[in-house]
mmCIF file of all heavy atoms, coordinates in Angstrom:
data_MODEL
# 
_entry.id   MODEL 
# 
loop_
_atom_site.group_PDB 
_atom_site.id 
_atom_site.type_symbol 
_atom_site.label_atom_id 
_atom_site.label_alt_id 
_atom_site.label_comp_id 
_atom_site.label_asym_id 
_atom_site.label_entity_id 
_atom_site.label_seq_id 
_atom_site.pdbx_PDB_ins_code 
_atom_site.Cartn_x 
_atom_site.Cartn_y 
_atom_site.Cartn_z 
_atom_site.occupancy 
_atom_site.B_iso_or_equiv 
_atom_site.pdbx_formal_charge 
_atom_site.auth_seq_id 
_atom_site.auth_comp_id 
_atom_site.auth_asym_id 
_atom_site.auth_atom_id 
_atom_site.pdbx_PDB_model_num 
ATOM 1   N N   . GLY A 1 1  ? 115.469 76.648  106.485 1.00 0.00 ? 1  GLY A N   1 
ATOM 2   C CA  . GLY A 1 1  ? 114.798 76.751  107.776 1.00 0.00 ? 1  GLY A CA  1 
ATOM 3   C C   . GLY A 1 1  ? 113.428 77.389  107.679 1.00 0.00 ? 1  GLY A C   1 
ATOM 4   O O   . GLY A 1 1  ? 112.936 77.690  106.586 1.00 0.00 ? 1  GLY A O   1 
ATOM 5   N N   . SER A 1 2  ? 112.835 77.605  108.851 1.00 0.00 ? 2  SER A N   1 
ATOM 6   C CA  . SER A 1 2  ? 111.478 78.137  108.937 1.00 0.00 ? 2  SER A CA  1 
ATOM 7   C C   . SER A 1 2  ? 111.409 79.276  109.939 1.00 0.00 ? 2  SER A C   1 
ATOM 8   O O   . SER A 1 2  ? 112.186 79.335  110.896 1.00 0.00 ? 2  SER A O   1 
ATOM 9   C CB  . SER A 1 2  ? 110.501 77.038  109.378 1.00 0.00 ? 2  SER A CB  1 
ATOM 10  O OG  . SER A 1 2  ? 110.472 75.978  108.456 1.00 0.00 ? 2  SER A OG  1 
ATOM 11  N N   . LEU A 1 3  ? 110.467 80.158  109.702 1.00 0.00 ? 3  LEU A N   1 
ATOM 12  C CA  . LEU A 1 3  ? 110.120 81.220  110.651 1.00 0.00 ? 3  LEU A CA  1 
ATOM 13  C C   . LEU A 1 3  ? 108.609 81.400  110.611 1.00 0.00 ? 3  LEU A C   1 
ATOM 14  O O   . LEU A 1 3  ? 107.974 81.138  109.579 1.00 0.00 ? 3  LEU A O   1 
ATOM 15  C CB  . LEU A 1 3  ? 110.798 82.547  110.299 1.00 0.00 ? 3  LEU A CB  1 
ATOM 16  C CG  . LEU A 1 3  ? 112.270 82.739  110.659 1.00 0.00 ? 3  LEU A CG  1 
ATOM 17  C CD1 . LEU A 1 3  ? 112.768 84.067  110.088 1.00 0.00 ? 3  LEU A CD1 1 
ATOM 18  C CD2 . LEU A 1 3  ? 112.487 82.692  112.158 1.00 0.00 ? 3  LEU A CD2 1 
ATOM 19  N N   . ARG A 1 4  ? 108.079 81.888  111.709 1.00 0.00 ? 4  ARG A N   1 
ATOM 20  C CA  . ARG A 1 4  ? 106.659 82.211  111.765 1.00 0.00 ? 4  ARG A CA  1 
ATOM 21  C C   . ARG A 1 4  ? 106.505 83.662  112.192 1.00 0.00 ? 4  ARG A C   1 
ATOM 22  O O   . ARG A 1 4  ? 106.925 84.039  113.285 1.00 0.00 ? 4  ARG A O   1 
ATOM 23  C CB  . ARG A 1 4  ? 105.922 81.296  112.737 1.00 0.00 ? 4  ARG A CB  1 
ATOM 24  C CG  . ARG A 1 4  ? 104.406 81.447  112.702 1.00 0.00 ? 4  ARG A CG  1 
ATOM 25  C CD  . ARG A 1 4  ? 103.745 80.425  113.629 1.00 0.00 ? 4  ARG A CD  1 
ATOM 26  N NE  . ARG A 1 4  ? 102.292 80.463  113.542 1.00 0.00 ? 4  ARG A NE  1 
ATOM 27  C CZ  . ARG A 1 4  ? 101.586 79.767  112.671 1.00 0.00 ? 4  ARG A CZ  1 
ATOM 28  N NH1 . ARG A 1 4  ? 102.185 78.980  111.800 1.00 0.00 ? 4  ARG A NH1 1 
ATOM 29  N NH2 . ARG A 1 4  ? 100.250 79.858  112.672 1.00 0.00 ? 4  ARG A NH2 1 
ATOM 30  N N   . LEU A 1 5  ? 105.936 84.463  111.313 1.00 0.00 ? 5  LEU A N   1 
ATOM 31  C CA  . LEU A 1 5  ? 105.681 85.868  111.620 1.00 0.00 ? 5  LEU A CA  1 
ATOM 32  C C   . LEU A 1 5  ? 104.250 86.017  112.113 1.00 0.00 ? 5  LEU A C   1 
ATOM 33  O O   . LEU A 1 5  ? 103.347 85.319  111.655 1.00 0.00 ? 5  LEU A O   1 
ATOM 34  C CB  . LEU A 1 5  ? 105.882 86.733  110.373 1.00 0.00 ? 5  LEU A CB  1 
ATOM 35  C CG  . LEU A 1 5  ? 107.234 86.633  109.663 1.00 0.00 ? 5  LEU A CG  1 
ATOM 36  C CD1 . LEU A 1 5  ? 107.273 87.617  108.494 1.00 0.00 ? 5  LEU A CD1 1 
ATOM 37  C CD2 . LEU A 1 5  ? 108.374 86.876  110.614 1.00 0.00 ? 5  LEU A CD2 1 
ATOM 38  N N   . SER A 1 6  ? 104.064 86.954  113.032 1.00 0.00 ? 6  SER A N   1 
ATOM 39  C CA  . SER A 1 6  ? 102.728 87.258  113.529 1.00 0.00 ? 6  SER A CA  1 
ATOM 40  C C   . SER A 1 6  ? 102.465 88.743  113.374 1.00 0.00 ? 6  SER A C   1 
ATOM 41  O O   . SER A 1 6  ? 103.375 89.562  113.514 1.00 0.00 ? 6  SER A O   1 
ATOM 42  C CB  . SER A 1 6  ? 102.582 86.871  115.001 1.00 0.00 ? 6  SER A CB  1 
ATOM 43  O OG  . SER A 1 6  ? 102.533 85.481  115.152 1.00 0.00 ? 6  SER A OG  1 
ATOM 44  N N   . CYS A 1 7  ? 101.216 89.068  113.108 1.00 0.00 ? 7  CYS A N   1 
ATOM 45  C CA  . CYS A 1 7  ? 100.798 90.460  113.029 1.00 0.00 ? 7  CYS A CA  1 
ATOM 46  C C   . CYS A 1 7  ? 99.620  90.634  113.975 1.00 0.00 ? 7  CYS A C   1 
ATOM 47  O O   . CYS A 1 7  ? 98.560  90.018  113.777 1.00 0.00 ? 7  CYS A O   1 
ATOM 48  C CB  . CYS A 1 7  ? 100.402 90.828  111.607 1.00 0.00 ? 7  CYS A CB  1 
ATOM 49  S SG  . CYS A 1 7  ? 99.886  92.547  111.427 1.00 0.00 ? 7  CYS A SG  1 
ATOM 50  N N   . ALA A 1 8  ? 99.823  91.461  114.999 1.00 0.00 ? 8  ALA A N   1 
ATOM 51  C CA  . ALA A 1 8  ? 98.777  91.734  115.972 1.00 0.00 ? 8  ALA A CA  1 
ATOM 52  C C   . ALA A 1 8  ? 98.145  93.079  115.658 1.00 0.00 ? 8  ALA A C   1 
ATOM 53  O O   . ALA A 1 8  ? 98.847  94.080  115.485 1.00 0.00 ? 8  ALA A O   1 
ATOM 54  C CB  . ALA A 1 8  ? 99.349  91.737  117.385 1.00 0.00 ? 8  ALA A CB  1 
ATOM 55  N N   . ALA A 1 9  ? 96.834  93.082  115.582 1.00 0.00 ? 9  ALA A N   1 
ATOM 56  C CA  . ALA A 1 9  ? 96.098  94.305  115.266 1.00 0.00 ? 9  ALA A CA  1 
ATOM 57  C C   . ALA A 1 9  ? 95.322  94.785  116.477 1.00 0.00 ? 9  ALA A C   1 
ATOM 58  O O   . ALA A 1 9  ? 94.775  93.984  117.233 1.00 0.00 ? 9  ALA A O   1 
ATOM 59  C CB  . ALA A 1 9  ? 95.153  94.067  114.094 1.00 0.00 ? 9  ALA A CB  1 
ATOM 60  N N   . SER A 1 10 ? 95.278  96.086  116.648 1.00 0.00 ? 10 SER A N   1 
ATOM 61  C CA  . SER A 1 10 ? 94.477  96.678  117.726 1.00 0.00 ? 10 SER A CA  1 
ATOM 62  C C   . SER A 1 10 ? 93.849  97.963  117.217 1.00 0.00 ? 10 SER A C   1 
ATOM 63  O O   . SER A 1 10 ? 94.285  98.538  116.225 1.00 0.00 ? 10 SER A O   1 
ATOM 64  C CB  . SER A 1 10 ? 95.341  96.953  118.962 1.00 0.00 ? 10 SER A CB  1 
ATOM 65  O OG  . SER A 1 10 ? 96.369  97.860  118.649 1.00 0.00 ? 10 SER A OG  1 
ATOM 66  N N   . GLY A 1 11 ? 92.826  98.403  117.917 1.00 0.00 ? 11 GLY A N   1 
ATOM 67  C CA  . GLY A 1 11 ? 92.121  99.609  117.506 1.00 0.00 ? 11 GLY A CA  1 
ATOM 68  C C   . GLY A 1 11 ? 90.775  99.260  116.907 1.00 0.00 ? 11 GLY A C   1 
ATOM 69  O O   . GLY A 1 11 ? 90.045  98.427  117.418 1.00 0.00 ? 11 GLY A O   1 
ATOM 70  N N   . ARG A 1 12 ? 90.466  99.855  115.783 1.00 0.00 ? 12 ARG A N   1 
ATOM 71  C CA  . ARG A 1 12 ? 89.184  99.610  115.127 1.00 0.00 ? 12 ARG A CA  1 
ATOM 72  C C   . ARG A 1 12 ? 89.032  98.149  114.743 1.00 0.00 ? 12 ARG A C   1 
ATOM 73  O O   . ARG A 1 12 ? 90.012  97.473  114.448 1.00 0.00 ? 12 ARG A O   1 
ATOM 74  C CB  . ARG A 1 12 ? 89.075  100.451 113.855 1.00 0.00 ? 12 ARG A CB  1 
ATOM 75  C CG  . ARG A 1 12 ? 88.796  101.916 114.062 1.00 0.00 ? 12 ARG A CG  1 
ATOM 76  C CD  . ARG A 1 12 ? 88.644  102.613 112.725 1.00 0.00 ? 12 ARG A CD  1 
ATOM 77  N NE  . ARG A 1 12 ? 87.504  102.096 111.967 1.00 0.00 ? 12 ARG A NE  1 
ATOM 78  C CZ  . ARG A 1 12 ? 87.244  102.416 110.710 1.00 0.00 ? 12 ARG A CZ  1 
ATOM 79  N NH1 . ARG A 1 12 ? 88.047  103.228 110.056 1.00 0.00 ? 12 ARG A NH1 1 
ATOM 80  N NH2 . ARG A 1 12 ? 86.190  101.907 110.096 1.00 0.00 ? 12 ARG A NH2 1 
ATOM 81  N N   . THR A 1 13 ? 87.798  97.703  114.744 1.00 0.00 ? 13 THR A N   1 
ATOM 82  C CA  . THR A 1 13 ? 87.509  96.353  114.258 1.00 0.00 ? 13 THR A CA  1 
ATOM 83  C C   . THR A 1 13 ? 86.621  96.464  113.032 1.00 0.00 ? 13 THR A C   1 
ATOM 84  O O   . THR A 1 13 ? 85.908  97.465  112.843 1.00 0.00 ? 13 THR A O   1 
ATOM 85  C CB  . THR A 1 13 ? 86.816  95.516  115.344 1.00 0.00 ? 13 THR A CB  1 
ATOM 86  O OG1 . THR A 1 13 ? 85.606  96.171  115.728 1.00 0.00 ? 13 THR A OG1 1 
ATOM 87  C CG2 . THR A 1 13 ? 87.712  95.358  116.562 1.00 0.00 ? 13 THR A CG2 1 
ATOM 88  N N   . PHE A 1 14 ? 86.677  95.433  112.202 1.00 0.00 ? 14 PHE A N   1 
ATOM 89  C CA  . PHE A 1 14 ? 85.932  95.417  110.956 1.00 0.00 ? 14 PHE A CA  1 
ATOM 90  C C   . PHE A 1 14 ? 85.192  94.105  110.821 1.00 0.00 ? 14 PHE A C   1 
ATOM 91  O O   . PHE A 1 14 ? 85.678  93.059  111.243 1.00 0.00 ? 14 PHE A O   1 
ATOM 92  C CB  . PHE A 1 14 ? 86.893  95.584  109.769 1.00 0.00 ? 14 PHE A CB  1 
ATOM 93  C CG  . PHE A 1 14 ? 87.779  96.794  109.871 1.00 0.00 ? 14 PHE A CG  1 
ATOM 94  C CD1 . PHE A 1 14 ? 89.080  96.675  110.323 1.00 0.00 ? 14 PHE A CD1 1 
ATOM 95  C CD2 . PHE A 1 14 ? 87.312  98.040  109.523 1.00 0.00 ? 14 PHE A CD2 1 
ATOM 96  C CE1 . PHE A 1 14 ? 89.904  97.776  110.424 1.00 0.00 ? 14 PHE A CE1 1 
ATOM 97  C CE2 . PHE A 1 14 ? 88.120  99.155  109.618 1.00 0.00 ? 14 PHE A CE2 1 
ATOM 98  C CZ  . PHE A 1 14 ? 89.425  99.031  110.072 1.00 0.00 ? 14 PHE A CZ  1 
ATOM 99  N N   . THR A 1 15 ? 84.028  94.171  110.209 1.00 0.00 ? 15 THR A N   1 
ATOM 100 C CA  . THR A 1 15 ? 83.274  92.947  109.960 1.00 0.00 ? 15 THR A CA  1 
ATOM 101 C C   . THR A 1 15 ? 83.999  92.072  108.952 1.00 0.00 ? 15 THR A C   1 
ATOM 102 O O   . THR A 1 15 ? 84.085  90.860  109.105 1.00 0.00 ? 15 THR A O   1 
ATOM 103 C CB  . THR A 1 15 ? 81.873  93.286  109.443 1.00 0.00 ? 15 THR A CB  1 
ATOM 104 O OG1 . THR A 1 15 ? 81.221  94.131  110.389 1.00 0.00 ? 15 THR A OG1 1 
ATOM 105 C CG2 . THR A 1 15 ? 81.063  92.016  109.224 1.00 0.00 ? 15 THR A CG2 1 
ATOM 106 N N   . SER A 1 16 ? 84.490  92.687  107.935 1.00 0.00 ? 16 SER A N   1 
ATOM 107 C CA  . SER A 1 16 ? 85.295  91.977  106.947 1.00 0.00 ? 16 SER A CA  1 
ATOM 108 C C   . SER A 1 16 ? 86.477  92.863  106.579 1.00 0.00 ? 16 SER A C   1 
ATOM 109 O O   . SER A 1 16 ? 86.353  94.085  106.519 1.00 0.00 ? 16 SER A O   1 
ATOM 110 C CB  . SER A 1 16 ? 84.464  91.627  105.716 1.00 0.00 ? 16 SER A CB  1 
ATOM 111 O OG  . SER A 1 16 ? 84.037  92.793  105.060 1.00 0.00 ? 16 SER A OG  1 
ATOM 112 N N   . TYR A 1 17 ? 87.601  92.232  106.351 1.00 0.00 ? 17 TYR A N   1 
ATOM 113 C CA  . TYR A 1 17 ? 88.808  92.978  106.017 1.00 0.00 ? 17 TYR A CA  1 
ATOM 114 C C   . TYR A 1 17 ? 89.796  92.026  105.380 1.00 0.00 ? 17 TYR A C   1 
ATOM 115 O O   . TYR A 1 17 ? 89.596  90.807  105.331 1.00 0.00 ? 17 TYR A O   1 
ATOM 116 C CB  . TYR A 1 17 ? 89.413  93.624  107.273 1.00 0.00 ? 17 TYR A CB  1 
ATOM 117 C CG  . TYR A 1 17 ? 89.856  92.642  108.336 1.00 0.00 ? 17 TYR A CG  1 
ATOM 118 C CD1 . TYR A 1 17 ? 91.184  92.226  108.419 1.00 0.00 ? 17 TYR A CD1 1 
ATOM 119 C CD2 . TYR A 1 17 ? 88.939  92.127  109.243 1.00 0.00 ? 17 TYR A CD2 1 
ATOM 120 C CE1 . TYR A 1 17 ? 91.582  91.328  109.387 1.00 0.00 ? 17 TYR A CE1 1 
ATOM 121 C CE2 . TYR A 1 17 ? 89.338  91.225  110.211 1.00 0.00 ? 17 TYR A CE2 1 
ATOM 122 C CZ  . TYR A 1 17 ? 90.659  90.833  110.295 1.00 0.00 ? 17 TYR A CZ  1 
ATOM 123 O OH  . TYR A 1 17 ? 91.050  89.938  111.252 1.00 0.00 ? 17 TYR A OH  1 
ATOM 124 N N   . ARG A 1 18 ? 90.831  92.597  104.884 1.00 0.00 ? 18 ARG A N   1 
ATOM 125 C CA  . ARG A 1 18 ? 91.900  91.787  104.315 1.00 0.00 ? 18 ARG A CA  1 
ATOM 126 C C   . ARG A 1 18 ? 93.215  92.161  105.008 1.00 0.00 ? 18 ARG A C   1 
ATOM 127 O O   . ARG A 1 18 ? 93.500  93.346  105.201 1.00 0.00 ? 18 ARG A O   1 
ATOM 128 C CB  . ARG A 1 18 ? 92.025  92.026  102.816 1.00 0.00 ? 18 ARG A CB  1 
ATOM 129 C CG  . ARG A 1 18 ? 93.124  91.220  102.131 1.00 0.00 ? 18 ARG A CG  1 
ATOM 130 C CD  . ARG A 1 18 ? 93.110  91.466  100.632 1.00 0.00 ? 18 ARG A CD  1 
ATOM 131 N NE  . ARG A 1 18 ? 91.912  90.924  100.016 1.00 0.00 ? 18 ARG A NE  1 
ATOM 132 C CZ  . ARG A 1 18 ? 91.257  91.516  99.029  1.00 0.00 ? 18 ARG A CZ  1 
ATOM 133 N NH1 . ARG A 1 18 ? 91.670  92.670  98.530  1.00 0.00 ? 18 ARG A NH1 1 
ATOM 134 N NH2 . ARG A 1 18 ? 90.169  90.957  98.518  1.00 0.00 ? 18 ARG A NH2 1 
ATOM 135 N N   . MET A 1 19 ? 93.968  91.155  105.376 1.00 0.00 ? 19 MET A N   1 
ATOM 136 C CA  . MET A 1 19 ? 95.297  91.415  105.916 1.00 0.00 ? 19 MET A CA  1 
ATOM 137 C C   . MET A 1 19 ? 96.324  90.820  104.967 1.00 0.00 ? 19 MET A C   1 
ATOM 138 O O   . MET A 1 19 ? 96.189  89.672  104.541 1.00 0.00 ? 19 MET A O   1 
ATOM 139 C CB  . MET A 1 19 ? 95.471  90.831  107.304 1.00 0.00 ? 19 MET A CB  1 
ATOM 140 C CG  . MET A 1 19 ? 96.821  91.176  107.909 1.00 0.00 ? 19 MET A CG  1 
ATOM 141 S SD  . MET A 1 19 ? 96.896  90.846  109.681 1.00 0.00 ? 19 MET A SD  1 
ATOM 142 C CE  . MET A 1 19 ? 96.048  92.268  110.311 1.00 0.00 ? 19 MET A CE  1 
ATOM 143 N N   . GLY A 1 20 ? 97.303  91.607  104.667 1.00 0.00 ? 20 GLY A N   1 
ATOM 144 C CA  . GLY A 1 20 ? 98.328  91.168  103.738 1.00 0.00 ? 20 GLY A CA  1 
ATOM 145 C C   . GLY A 1 20 ? 99.710  91.248  104.342 1.00 0.00 ? 20 GLY A C   1 
ATOM 146 O O   . GLY A 1 20 ? 99.957  91.986  105.287 1.00 0.00 ? 20 GLY A O   1 
ATOM 147 N N   . TRP A 1 21 ? 100.589 90.449  103.784 1.00 0.00 ? 21 TRP A N   1 
ATOM 148 C CA  . TRP A 1 21 ? 102.017 90.514  104.100 1.00 0.00 ? 21 TRP A CA  1 
ATOM 149 C C   . TRP A 1 21 ? 102.752 90.938  102.831 1.00 0.00 ? 21 TRP A C   1 
ATOM 150 O O   . TRP A 1 21 ? 102.513 90.370  101.757 1.00 0.00 ? 21 TRP A O   1 
ATOM 151 C CB  . TRP A 1 21 ? 102.541 89.161  104.571 1.00 0.00 ? 21 TRP A CB  1 
ATOM 152 C CG  . TRP A 1 21 ? 102.182 88.824  105.990 1.00 0.00 ? 21 TRP A CG  1 
ATOM 153 C CD1 . TRP A 1 21 ? 101.123 88.064  106.408 1.00 0.00 ? 21 TRP A CD1 1 
ATOM 154 C CD2 . TRP A 1 21 ? 102.883 89.222  107.161 1.00 0.00 ? 21 TRP A CD2 1 
ATOM 155 N NE1 . TRP A 1 21 ? 101.127 87.969  107.771 1.00 0.00 ? 21 TRP A NE1 1 
ATOM 156 C CE2 . TRP A 1 21 ? 102.198 88.668  108.260 1.00 0.00 ? 21 TRP A CE2 1 
ATOM 157 C CE3 . TRP A 1 21 ? 104.027 89.986  107.413 1.00 0.00 ? 21 TRP A CE3 1 
ATOM 158 C CZ2 . TRP A 1 21 ? 102.611 88.856  109.574 1.00 0.00 ? 21 TRP A CZ2 1 
ATOM 159 C CZ3 . TRP A 1 21 ? 104.441 90.172  108.714 1.00 0.00 ? 21 TRP A CZ3 1 
ATOM 160 C CH2 . TRP A 1 21 ? 103.733 89.614  109.776 1.00 0.00 ? 21 TRP A CH2 1 
ATOM 161 N N   . PHE A 1 22 ? 103.602 91.910  102.991 1.00 0.00 ? 22 PHE A N   1 
ATOM 162 C CA  . PHE A 1 22 ? 104.447 92.388  101.908 1.00 0.00 ? 22 PHE A CA  1 
ATOM 163 C C   . PHE A 1 22 ? 105.892 92.326  102.404 1.00 0.00 ? 22 PHE A C   1 
ATOM 164 O O   . PHE A 1 22 ? 106.143 92.232  103.602 1.00 0.00 ? 22 PHE A O   1 
ATOM 165 C CB  . PHE A 1 22 ? 104.088 93.827  101.535 1.00 0.00 ? 22 PHE A CB  1 
ATOM 166 C CG  . PHE A 1 22 ? 102.737 93.968  100.877 1.00 0.00 ? 22 PHE A CG  1 
ATOM 167 C CD1 . PHE A 1 22 ? 101.566 93.905  101.635 1.00 0.00 ? 22 PHE A CD1 1 
ATOM 168 C CD2 . PHE A 1 22 ? 102.628 94.158  99.514  1.00 0.00 ? 22 PHE A CD2 1 
ATOM 169 C CE1 . PHE A 1 22 ? 100.322 94.023  101.039 1.00 0.00 ? 22 PHE A CE1 1 
ATOM 170 C CE2 . PHE A 1 22 ? 101.397 94.291  98.902  1.00 0.00 ? 22 PHE A CE2 1 
ATOM 171 C CZ  . PHE A 1 22 ? 100.246 94.211  99.665  1.00 0.00 ? 22 PHE A CZ  1 
ATOM 172 N N   . ARG A 1 23 ? 106.826 92.431  101.488 1.00 0.00 ? 23 ARG A N   1 
ATOM 173 C CA  . ARG A 1 23 ? 108.232 92.468  101.886 1.00 0.00 ? 23 ARG A CA  1 
ATOM 174 C C   . ARG A 1 23 ? 109.001 93.404  100.965 1.00 0.00 ? 23 ARG A C   1 
ATOM 175 O O   . ARG A 1 23 ? 108.625 93.624  99.823  1.00 0.00 ? 23 ARG A O   1 
ATOM 176 C CB  . ARG A 1 23 ? 108.837 91.062  101.858 1.00 0.00 ? 23 ARG A CB  1 
ATOM 177 C CG  . ARG A 1 23 ? 108.946 90.434  100.472 1.00 0.00 ? 23 ARG A CG  1 
ATOM 178 C CD  . ARG A 1 23 ? 109.411 88.984  100.588 1.00 0.00 ? 23 ARG A CD  1 
ATOM 179 N NE  . ARG A 1 23 ? 109.557 88.355  99.278  1.00 0.00 ? 23 ARG A NE  1 
ATOM 180 C CZ  . ARG A 1 23 ? 109.841 87.074  99.098  1.00 0.00 ? 23 ARG A CZ  1 
ATOM 181 N NH1 . ARG A 1 23 ? 109.989 86.274  100.145 1.00 0.00 ? 23 ARG A NH1 1 
ATOM 182 N NH2 . ARG A 1 23 ? 109.955 86.586  97.878  1.00 0.00 ? 23 ARG A NH2 1 
ATOM 183 N N   . GLN A 1 24 ? 110.093 93.909  101.530 1.00 0.00 ? 24 GLN A N   1 
ATOM 184 C CA  . GLN A 1 24 ? 110.953 94.794  100.758 1.00 0.00 ? 24 GLN A CA  1 
ATOM 185 C C   . GLN A 1 24 ? 112.398 94.439  101.045 1.00 0.00 ? 24 GLN A C   1 
ATOM 186 O O   . GLN A 1 24 ? 112.862 94.537  102.192 1.00 0.00 ? 24 GLN A O   1 
ATOM 187 C CB  . GLN A 1 24 ? 110.689 96.258  101.089 1.00 0.00 ? 24 GLN A CB  1 
ATOM 188 C CG  . GLN A 1 24 ? 111.442 97.215  100.204 1.00 0.00 ? 24 GLN A CG  1 
ATOM 189 C CD  . GLN A 1 24 ? 110.924 98.635  100.314 1.00 0.00 ? 24 GLN A CD  1 
ATOM 190 O OE1 . GLN A 1 24 ? 110.300 99.006  101.290 1.00 0.00 ? 24 GLN A OE1 1 
ATOM 191 N NE2 . GLN A 1 24 ? 111.191 99.434  99.284  1.00 0.00 ? 24 GLN A NE2 1 
ATOM 192 N N   . ALA A 1 25 ? 113.085 94.013  100.003 1.00 0.00 ? 25 ALA A N   1 
ATOM 193 C CA  . ALA A 1 25 ? 114.508 93.692  100.099 1.00 0.00 ? 25 ALA A CA  1 
ATOM 194 C C   . ALA A 1 25 ? 115.313 94.950  99.789  1.00 0.00 ? 25 ALA A C   1 
ATOM 195 O O   . ALA A 1 25 ? 114.820 95.854  99.115  1.00 0.00 ? 25 ALA A O   1 
ATOM 196 C CB  . ALA A 1 25 ? 114.853 92.568  99.126  1.00 0.00 ? 25 ALA A CB  1 
# 
């Protein structure tokens, strides 16, 4: 099957940045 995760950010803004997804089993 499939899932779609979303990450919503608020607060400071950046001209350039990196967003990552990590997981821990």
